[in-house]
PDB file of all heavy atoms in Angstrom:
ATOM      1  N   LYS A   1      17.214 -14.331 -57.593  1.00  0.00           N
ATOM      2  CA  LYS A   1      16.763 -13.271 -58.492  1.00  0.00           C
ATOM      3  C   LYS A   1      15.602 -13.735 -59.350  1.00  0.00           C
ATOM      4  O   LYS A   1      15.619 -14.828 -59.902  1.00  0.00           O
ATOM      5  CB  LYS A   1      17.913 -12.802 -59.384  1.00  0.00           C
ATOM      6  CG  LYS A   1      18.946 -11.956 -58.671  1.00  0.00           C
ATOM      7  CD  LYS A   1      20.041 -11.503 -59.621  1.00  0.00           C
ATOM      8  CE  LYS A   1      21.062 -10.631 -58.906  1.00  0.00           C
ATOM      9  NZ  LYS A   1      22.166 -10.228 -59.810  1.00  0.00           N
ATOM     10  N   GLY A   2      14.595 -12.888 -59.458  1.00  0.00           N
ATOM     11  CA  GLY A   2      13.416 -13.213 -60.230  1.00  0.00           C
ATOM     12  C   GLY A   2      12.368 -13.991 -59.471  1.00  0.00           C
ATOM     13  O   GLY A   2      11.243 -14.136 -59.958  1.00  0.00           O
ATOM     14  N   ARG A   3      12.715 -14.489 -58.292  1.00  0.00           N
ATOM     15  CA  ARG A   3      11.781 -15.272 -57.491  1.00  0.00           C
ATOM     16  C   ARG A   3      11.425 -14.588 -56.168  1.00  0.00           C
ATOM     17  O   ARG A   3      10.310 -14.740 -55.683  1.00  0.00           O
ATOM     18  CB  ARG A   3      12.349 -16.655 -57.193  1.00  0.00           C
ATOM     19  CG  ARG A   3      12.641 -17.473 -58.442  1.00  0.00           C
ATOM     20  CD  ARG A   3      13.014 -18.911 -58.098  1.00  0.00           C
ATOM     21  NE  ARG A   3      14.245 -18.987 -57.315  1.00  0.00           N
ATOM     22  CZ  ARG A   3      14.331 -19.467 -56.079  1.00  0.00           C
ATOM     23  NH1 ARG A   3      13.232 -19.942 -55.470  1.00  0.00           N
ATOM     24  NH2 ARG A   3      15.492 -19.508 -55.448  1.00  0.00           N
ATOM     25  N   PHE A   4      12.368 -13.866 -55.577  1.00  0.00           N
ATOM     26  CA  PHE A   4      12.160 -13.210 -54.284  1.00  0.00           C
ATOM     27  C   PHE A   4      12.056 -11.701 -54.474  1.00  0.00           C
ATOM     28  O   PHE A   4      12.691 -11.130 -55.368  1.00  0.00           O
ATOM     29  CB  PHE A   4      13.318 -13.493 -53.330  1.00  0.00           C
ATOM     30  CG  PHE A   4      13.407 -14.912 -52.826  1.00  0.00           C
ATOM     31  CD1 PHE A   4      12.657 -15.931 -53.377  1.00  0.00           C
ATOM     32  CD2 PHE A   4      14.271 -15.210 -51.785  1.00  0.00           C
ATOM     33  CE1 PHE A   4      12.748 -17.236 -52.914  1.00  0.00           C
ATOM     34  CE2 PHE A   4      14.377 -16.505 -51.304  1.00  0.00           C
ATOM     35  CZ  PHE A   4      13.623 -17.519 -51.862  1.00  0.00           C
ATOM     36  N   THR A   5      11.277 -11.056 -53.611  1.00  0.00           N
ATOM     37  CA  THR A   5      11.139  -9.612 -53.617  1.00  0.00           C
ATOM     38  C   THR A   5      11.173  -9.089 -52.185  1.00  0.00           C
ATOM     39  O   THR A   5      10.445  -9.588 -51.330  1.00  0.00           O
ATOM     40  CB  THR A   5       9.829  -9.159 -54.285  1.00  0.00           C
ATOM     41  OG1 THR A   5       9.753  -9.676 -55.615  1.00  0.00           O
ATOM     42  CG2 THR A   5       9.759  -7.636 -54.338  1.00  0.00           C
ATOM     43  N   ILE A   6      12.015  -8.104 -51.935  1.00  0.00           N
ATOM     44  CA  ILE A   6      12.076  -7.465 -50.630  1.00  0.00           C
ATOM     45  C   ILE A   6      11.359  -6.119 -50.704  1.00  0.00           C
ATOM     46  O   ILE A   6      11.482  -5.390 -51.692  1.00  0.00           O
ATOM     47  CB  ILE A   6      13.540  -7.299 -50.164  1.00  0.00           C
ATOM     48  CG1 ILE A   6      13.594  -6.797 -48.718  1.00  0.00           C
ATOM     49  CG2 ILE A   6      14.321  -6.375 -51.093  1.00  0.00           C
ATOM     50  CD1 ILE A   6      15.002  -6.813 -48.127  1.00  0.00           C
ATOM     51  N   PHE A   7      10.588  -5.800 -49.686  1.00  0.00           N
ATOM     52  CA  PHE A   7       9.939  -4.499 -49.631  1.00  0.00           C
ATOM     53  C   PHE A   7       9.663  -4.140 -48.182  1.00  0.00           C
ATOM     54  O   PHE A   7       9.651  -4.998 -47.304  1.00  0.00           O
ATOM     55  CB  PHE A   7       8.658  -4.456 -50.480  1.00  0.00           C
ATOM     56  CG  PHE A   7       7.594  -5.443 -50.082  1.00  0.00           C
ATOM     57  CD1 PHE A   7       6.511  -5.049 -49.318  1.00  0.00           C
ATOM     58  CD2 PHE A   7       7.650  -6.762 -50.506  1.00  0.00           C
ATOM     59  CE1 PHE A   7       5.510  -5.945 -48.965  1.00  0.00           C
ATOM     60  CE2 PHE A   7       6.662  -7.674 -50.156  1.00  0.00           C
ATOM     61  CZ  PHE A   7       5.588  -7.258 -49.384  1.00  0.00           C
ATOM     62  N   ARG A   8       9.433  -2.864 -47.944  1.00  0.00           N
ATOM     63  CA  ARG A   8       9.240  -2.382 -46.588  1.00  0.00           C
ATOM     64  C   ARG A   8       7.949  -1.592 -46.468  1.00  0.00           C
ATOM     65  O   ARG A   8       7.512  -0.927 -47.399  1.00  0.00           O
ATOM     66  CB  ARG A   8      10.438  -1.543 -46.135  1.00  0.00           C
ATOM     67  CG  ARG A   8      10.728  -0.324 -46.995  1.00  0.00           C
ATOM     68  CD  ARG A   8      12.166   0.183 -46.779  1.00  0.00           C
ATOM     69  NE  ARG A   8      12.421   0.541 -45.391  1.00  0.00           N
ATOM     70  CZ  ARG A   8      13.634   0.710 -44.879  1.00  0.00           C
ATOM     71  NH1 ARG A   8      14.718   0.536 -45.643  1.00  0.00           N
ATOM     72  NH2 ARG A   8      13.777   1.041 -43.603  1.00  0.00           N
ATOM     73  N   ASP A   9       7.342  -1.662 -45.294  1.00  0.00           N
ATOM     74  CA  ASP A   9       6.135  -0.917 -44.968  1.00  0.00           C
ATOM     75  C   ASP A   9       6.441  -0.140 -43.697  1.00  0.00           C
ATOM     76  O   ASP A   9       6.251  -0.639 -42.586  1.00  0.00           O
ATOM     77  CB  ASP A   9       4.949  -1.860 -44.776  1.00  0.00           C
ATOM     78  CG  ASP A   9       3.632  -1.129 -44.608  1.00  0.00           C
ATOM     79  OD1 ASP A   9       3.638   0.082 -44.319  1.00  0.00           O
ATOM     80  OD2 ASP A   9       2.577  -1.769 -44.784  1.00  0.00           O
ATOM     81  N   ASN A  10       6.936   1.067 -43.861  1.00  0.00           N
ATOM     82  CA  ASN A  10       7.408   1.830 -42.711  1.00  0.00           C
ATOM     83  C   ASN A  10       6.316   2.142 -41.680  1.00  0.00           C
ATOM     84  O   ASN A  10       6.584   2.101 -40.479  1.00  0.00           O
ATOM     85  CB  ASN A  10       8.088   3.116 -43.170  1.00  0.00           C
ATOM     86  CG  ASN A  10       9.444   2.862 -43.799  1.00  0.00           C
ATOM     87  OD1 ASN A  10      10.007   1.776 -43.687  1.00  0.00           O
ATOM     88  ND2 ASN A  10       9.978   3.877 -44.470  1.00  0.00           N
ATOM     89  N   PRO A  11       5.077   2.472 -42.093  1.00  0.00           N
ATOM     90  CA  PRO A  11       4.046   2.694 -41.077  1.00  0.00           C
ATOM     91  C   PRO A  11       3.813   1.495 -40.169  1.00  0.00           C
ATOM     92  O   PRO A  11       3.431   1.676 -39.006  1.00  0.00           O
ATOM     93  CB  PRO A  11       2.802   3.031 -41.904  1.00  0.00           C
ATOM     94  CG  PRO A  11       3.341   3.625 -43.154  1.00  0.00           C
ATOM     95  CD  PRO A  11       4.588   2.842 -43.435  1.00  0.00           C
ATOM     96  N   LYS A  12       4.018   0.294 -40.691  1.00  0.00           N
ATOM     97  CA  LYS A  12       3.891  -0.917 -39.886  1.00  0.00           C
ATOM     98  C   LYS A  12       5.196  -1.319 -39.227  1.00  0.00           C
ATOM     99  O   LYS A  12       5.231  -2.301 -38.477  1.00  0.00           O
ATOM    100  CB  LYS A  12       3.375  -2.073 -40.741  1.00  0.00           C
ATOM    101  CG  LYS A  12       1.946  -1.902 -41.236  1.00  0.00           C
ATOM    102  CD  LYS A  12       1.501  -3.137 -42.002  1.00  0.00           C
ATOM    103  CE  LYS A  12       0.059  -3.001 -42.455  1.00  0.00           C
ATOM    104  NZ  LYS A  12      -0.390  -4.196 -43.210  1.00  0.00           N
ATOM    105  N   ASN A  13       6.269  -0.583 -39.515  1.00  0.00           N
ATOM    106  CA  ASN A  13       7.584  -0.875 -38.962  1.00  0.00           C
ATOM    107  C   ASN A  13       7.995  -2.323 -39.267  1.00  0.00           C
ATOM    108  O   ASN A  13       8.555  -3.021 -38.416  1.00  0.00           O
ATOM    109  CB  ASN A  13       7.603  -0.631 -37.449  1.00  0.00           C
ATOM    110  CG  ASN A  13       8.904  -0.010 -36.972  1.00  0.00           C
ATOM    111  OD1 ASN A  13       9.572   0.722 -37.705  1.00  0.00           O
ATOM    112  ND2 ASN A  13       9.270  -0.292 -35.724  1.00  0.00           N
ATOM    113  N   THR A  14       7.737  -2.733 -40.499  1.00  0.00           N
ATOM    114  CA  THR A  14       7.923  -4.119 -40.898  1.00  0.00           C
ATOM    115  C   THR A  14       8.549  -4.199 -42.280  1.00  0.00           C
ATOM    116  O   THR A  14       8.247  -3.386 -43.154  1.00  0.00           O
ATOM    117  CB  THR A  14       6.581  -4.871 -40.899  1.00  0.00           C
ATOM    118  OG1 THR A  14       6.004  -4.822 -39.588  1.00  0.00           O
ATOM    119  CG2 THR A  14       6.765  -6.330 -41.293  1.00  0.00           C
ATOM    120  N   VAL A  15       9.415  -5.187 -42.469  1.00  0.00           N
ATOM    121  CA  VAL A  15      10.023  -5.492 -43.755  1.00  0.00           C
ATOM    122  C   VAL A  15       9.601  -6.897 -44.153  1.00  0.00           C
ATOM    123  O   VAL A  15       9.497  -7.787 -43.299  1.00  0.00           O
ATOM    124  CB  VAL A  15      11.556  -5.375 -43.694  1.00  0.00           C
ATOM    125  CG1 VAL A  15      12.177  -5.748 -45.034  1.00  0.00           C
ATOM    126  CG2 VAL A  15      11.958  -3.966 -43.308  1.00  0.00           C
ATOM    127  N   TYR A  16       9.389  -7.102 -45.445  1.00  0.00           N
ATOM    128  CA  TYR A  16       8.886  -8.367 -45.942  1.00  0.00           C
ATOM    129  C   TYR A  16       9.839  -8.967 -46.966  1.00  0.00           C
ATOM    130  O   TYR A  16      10.582  -8.268 -47.651  1.00  0.00           O
ATOM    131  CB  TYR A  16       7.519  -8.188 -46.603  1.00  0.00           C
ATOM    132  CG  TYR A  16       6.472  -7.604 -45.695  1.00  0.00           C
ATOM    133  CD1 TYR A  16       6.263  -6.223 -45.640  1.00  0.00           C
ATOM    134  CD2 TYR A  16       5.686  -8.421 -44.891  1.00  0.00           C
ATOM    135  CE1 TYR A  16       5.308  -5.683 -44.807  1.00  0.00           C
ATOM    136  CE2 TYR A  16       4.726  -7.883 -44.058  1.00  0.00           C
ATOM    137  CZ  TYR A  16       4.536  -6.513 -44.018  1.00  0.00           C
ATOM    138  OH  TYR A  16       3.581  -5.980 -43.190  1.00  0.00           O
ATOM    139  N   LEU A  17       9.782 -10.282 -47.078  1.00  0.00           N
ATOM    140  CA  LEU A  17      10.447 -10.995 -48.150  1.00  0.00           C
ATOM    141  C   LEU A  17       9.420 -11.916 -48.787  1.00  0.00           C
ATOM    142  O   LEU A  17       9.017 -12.914 -48.187  1.00  0.00           O
ATOM    143  CB  LEU A  17      11.647 -11.799 -47.645  1.00  0.00           C
ATOM    144  CG  LEU A  17      12.466 -12.512 -48.721  1.00  0.00           C
ATOM    145  CD1 LEU A  17      13.189 -11.497 -49.606  1.00  0.00           C
ATOM    146  CD2 LEU A  17      13.467 -13.477 -48.096  1.00  0.00           C
ATOM    147  N   GLN A  18       8.977 -11.560 -49.988  1.00  0.00           N
ATOM    148  CA  GLN A  18       8.049 -12.386 -50.737  1.00  0.00           C
ATOM    149  C   GLN A  18       8.844 -13.419 -51.513  1.00  0.00           C
ATOM    150  O   GLN A  18       9.697 -13.063 -52.328  1.00  0.00           O
ATOM    151  CB  GLN A  18       7.211 -11.531 -51.692  1.00  0.00           C
ATOM    152  CG  GLN A  18       6.240 -12.324 -52.548  1.00  0.00           C
ATOM    153  CD  GLN A  18       5.132 -12.952 -51.747  1.00  0.00           C
ATOM    154  OE1 GLN A  18       4.569 -12.307 -50.861  1.00  0.00           O
ATOM    155  NE2 GLN A  18       4.822 -14.208 -52.016  1.00  0.00           N
ATOM    156  N   MET A  19       8.563 -14.686 -51.295  1.00  0.00           N
ATOM    157  CA  MET A  19       9.302 -15.779 -51.904  1.00  0.00           C
ATOM    158  C   MET A  19       8.350 -16.594 -52.770  1.00  0.00           C
ATOM    159  O   MET A  19       7.403 -17.199 -52.262  1.00  0.00           O
ATOM    160  CB  MET A  19       9.949 -16.664 -50.844  1.00  0.00           C
ATOM    161  CG  MET A  19      10.821 -15.896 -49.850  1.00  0.00           C
ATOM    162  SD  MET A  19      11.726 -16.984 -48.718  1.00  0.00           S
ATOM    163  CE  MET A  19      10.347 -17.755 -47.871  1.00  0.00           C
ATOM    164  N   ASN A  20       8.607 -16.603 -54.067  1.00  0.00           N
ATOM    165  CA  ASN A  20       7.797 -17.342 -55.023  1.00  0.00           C
ATOM    166  C   ASN A  20       8.635 -18.430 -55.685  1.00  0.00           C
ATOM    167  O   ASN A  20       9.860 -18.397 -55.656  1.00  0.00           O
ATOM    168  CB  ASN A  20       7.235 -16.406 -56.093  1.00  0.00           C
ATOM    169  CG  ASN A  20       6.323 -15.337 -55.535  1.00  0.00           C
ATOM    170  OD1 ASN A  20       5.620 -15.555 -54.548  1.00  0.00           O
ATOM    171  ND2 ASN A  20       6.318 -14.171 -56.179  1.00  0.00           N
ATOM    172  N   SER A  21       7.955 -19.374 -56.311  1.00  0.00           N
ATOM    173  CA  SER A  21       8.620 -20.463 -57.030  1.00  0.00           C
ATOM    174  C   SER A  21       9.689 -21.124 -56.170  1.00  0.00           C
ATOM    175  O   SER A  21      10.822 -21.340 -56.600  1.00  0.00           O
ATOM    176  CB  SER A  21       9.225 -19.940 -58.337  1.00  0.00           C
ATOM    177  OG  SER A  21       8.240 -19.364 -59.165  1.00  0.00           O
ATOM    178  N   LEU A  22       9.331 -21.460 -54.959  1.00  0.00           N
ATOM    179  CA  LEU A  22      10.296 -21.981 -54.001  1.00  0.00           C
ATOM    180  C   LEU A  22      10.836 -23.342 -54.421  1.00  0.00           C
ATOM    181  O   LEU A  22      10.117 -24.167 -54.991  1.00  0.00           O
ATOM    182  CB  LEU A  22       9.666 -22.066 -52.620  1.00  0.00           C
ATOM    183  CG  LEU A  22       9.539 -20.718 -51.905  1.00  0.00           C
ATOM    184  CD1 LEU A  22       8.553 -20.812 -50.751  1.00  0.00           C
ATOM    185  CD2 LEU A  22      10.908 -20.260 -51.400  1.00  0.00           C
ATOM    186  N   LYS A  23      12.107 -23.548 -54.127  1.00  0.00           N
ATOM    187  CA  LYS A  23      12.821 -24.772 -54.442  1.00  0.00           C
ATOM    188  C   LYS A  23      13.310 -25.433 -53.157  1.00  0.00           C
ATOM    189  O   LYS A  23      13.501 -24.756 -52.147  1.00  0.00           O
ATOM    190  CB  LYS A  23      14.021 -24.472 -55.340  1.00  0.00           C
ATOM    191  CG  LYS A  23      13.694 -23.724 -56.622  1.00  0.00           C
ATOM    192  CD  LYS A  23      14.964 -23.359 -57.372  1.00  0.00           C
ATOM    193  CE  LYS A  23      14.653 -22.589 -58.643  1.00  0.00           C
ATOM    194  NZ  LYS A  23      15.898 -22.215 -59.376  1.00  0.00           N
ATOM    195  N   PRO A  24      13.537 -26.743 -53.178  1.00  0.00           N
ATOM    196  CA  PRO A  24      14.058 -27.395 -51.967  1.00  0.00           C
ATOM    197  C   PRO A  24      15.341 -26.754 -51.443  1.00  0.00           C
ATOM    198  O   PRO A  24      15.544 -26.707 -50.225  1.00  0.00           O
ATOM    199  CB  PRO A  24      14.287 -28.837 -52.429  1.00  0.00           C
ATOM    200  CG  PRO A  24      13.269 -29.044 -53.496  1.00  0.00           C
ATOM    201  CD  PRO A  24      13.194 -27.717 -54.217  1.00  0.00           C
ATOM    202  N   GLU A  25      16.195 -26.272 -52.327  1.00  0.00           N
ATOM    203  CA  GLU A  25      17.430 -25.651 -51.895  1.00  0.00           C
ATOM    204  C   GLU A  25      17.235 -24.308 -51.209  1.00  0.00           C
ATOM    205  O   GLU A  25      18.184 -23.739 -50.671  1.00  0.00           O
ATOM    206  CB  GLU A  25      18.412 -25.494 -53.073  1.00  0.00           C
ATOM    207  CG  GLU A  25      17.804 -24.822 -54.293  1.00  0.00           C
ATOM    208  CD  GLU A  25      17.323 -25.822 -55.333  1.00  0.00           C
ATOM    209  OE1 GLU A  25      16.692 -26.828 -54.946  1.00  0.00           O
ATOM    210  OE2 GLU A  25      17.583 -25.602 -56.530  1.00  0.00           O
ATOM    211  N   ASP A  26      16.012 -23.784 -51.208  1.00  0.00           N
ATOM    212  CA  ASP A  26      15.701 -22.586 -50.442  1.00  0.00           C
ATOM    213  C   ASP A  26      15.463 -22.882 -48.971  1.00  0.00           C
ATOM    214  O   ASP A  26      15.346 -21.947 -48.168  1.00  0.00           O
ATOM    215  CB  ASP A  26      14.461 -21.880 -51.008  1.00  0.00           C
ATOM    216  CG  ASP A  26      14.676 -21.335 -52.409  1.00  0.00           C
ATOM    217  OD1 ASP A  26      15.757 -20.770 -52.672  1.00  0.00           O
ATOM    218  OD2 ASP A  26      13.749 -21.462 -53.235  1.00  0.00           O
ATOM    219  N   SER A  27      15.367 -24.140 -48.598  1.00  0.00           N
ATOM    220  CA  SER A  27      15.110 -24.510 -47.210  1.00  0.00           C
ATOM    221  C   SER A  27      16.242 -24.030 -46.313  1.00  0.00           C
ATOM    222  O   SER A  27      17.418 -24.316 -46.566  1.00  0.00           O
ATOM    223  CB  SER A  27      14.947 -26.025 -47.080  1.00  0.00           C
ATOM    224  OG  SER A  27      13.840 -26.488 -47.814  1.00  0.00           O
ATOM    225  N   ALA A  28      15.898 -23.297 -45.267  1.00  0.00           N
ATOM    226  CA  ALA A  28      16.890 -22.723 -44.362  1.00  0.00           C
ATOM    227  C   ALA A  28      16.161 -21.965 -43.266  1.00  0.00           C
ATOM    228  O   ALA A  28      14.946 -21.761 -43.324  1.00  0.00           O
ATOM    229  CB  ALA A  28      17.832 -21.780 -45.107  1.00  0.00           C
ATOM    230  N   ILE A  29      16.914 -21.556 -42.263  1.00  0.00           N
ATOM    231  CA  ILE A  29      16.419 -20.566 -41.325  1.00  0.00           C
ATOM    232  C   ILE A  29      16.704 -19.192 -41.914  1.00  0.00           C
ATOM    233  O   ILE A  29      17.841 -18.907 -42.304  1.00  0.00           O
ATOM    234  CB  ILE A  29      17.071 -20.712 -39.940  1.00  0.00           C
ATOM    235  CG1 ILE A  29      16.767 -22.083 -39.345  1.00  0.00           C
ATOM    236  CG2 ILE A  29      16.579 -19.618 -39.005  1.00  0.00           C
ATOM    237  CD1 ILE A  29      17.468 -22.348 -38.030  1.00  0.00           C
ATOM    238  N   TYR A  30      15.692 -18.365 -41.975  1.00  0.00           N
ATOM    239  CA  TYR A  30      15.816 -17.030 -42.547  1.00  0.00           C
ATOM    240  C   TYR A  30      15.848 -15.994 -41.438  1.00  0.00           C
ATOM    241  O   TYR A  30      15.019 -16.007 -40.530  1.00  0.00           O
ATOM    242  CB  TYR A  30      14.656 -16.745 -43.499  1.00  0.00           C
ATOM    243  CG  TYR A  30      14.803 -17.428 -44.842  1.00  0.00           C
ATOM    244  CD1 TYR A  30      14.629 -18.804 -44.962  1.00  0.00           C
ATOM    245  CD2 TYR A  30      15.126 -16.707 -45.987  1.00  0.00           C
ATOM    246  CE1 TYR A  30      14.783 -19.437 -46.184  1.00  0.00           C
ATOM    247  CE2 TYR A  30      15.274 -17.329 -47.210  1.00  0.00           C
ATOM    248  CZ  TYR A  30      15.101 -18.697 -47.304  1.00  0.00           C
ATOM    249  OH  TYR A  30      15.244 -19.318 -48.517  1.00  0.00           O
ATOM    250  N   TYR A  31      16.813 -15.084 -41.514  1.00  0.00           N
ATOM    251  CA  TYR A  31      17.012 -14.036 -40.527  1.00  0.00           C
ATOM    252  C   TYR A  31      16.893 -12.665 -41.183  1.00  0.00           C
ATOM    253  O   TYR A  31      17.320 -12.473 -42.320  1.00  0.00           O
ATOM    254  CB  TYR A  31      18.404 -14.121 -39.898  1.00  0.00           C
ATOM    255  CG  TYR A  31      18.736 -15.432 -39.237  1.00  0.00           C
ATOM    256  CD1 TYR A  31      19.293 -16.476 -39.966  1.00  0.00           C
ATOM    257  CD2 TYR A  31      18.519 -15.623 -37.876  1.00  0.00           C
ATOM    258  CE1 TYR A  31      19.612 -17.678 -39.358  1.00  0.00           C
ATOM    259  CE2 TYR A  31      18.841 -16.814 -37.265  1.00  0.00           C
ATOM    260  CZ  TYR A  31      19.384 -17.843 -38.011  1.00  0.00           C
ATOM    261  OH  TYR A  31      19.710 -19.034 -37.404  1.00  0.00           O
ATOM    262  N   CYS A  32      16.355 -11.703 -40.462  1.00  0.00           N
ATOM    263  CA  CYS A  32      16.468 -10.321 -40.879  1.00  0.00           C
ATOM    264  C   CYS A  32      17.487  -9.617 -39.998  1.00  0.00           C
ATOM    265  O   CYS A  32      17.688  -9.979 -38.835  1.00  0.00           O
ATOM    266  CB  CYS A  32      15.125  -9.587 -40.860  1.00  0.00           C
ATOM    267  SG  CYS A  32      14.377  -9.361 -39.237  1.00  0.00           S
TER     268      CYS A  32
END
C-alpha cells in the first residue's frame, strides 16, 4: 500500500501494476 498502483487500459486490453519504492522483499515472480 502506498507504493503500488493497479490500473487498466481497456482499449489496449491490458492491465498494469506500477511499482515504486521497490524493496528487496518485493522480489518474486509476478502473475496476473
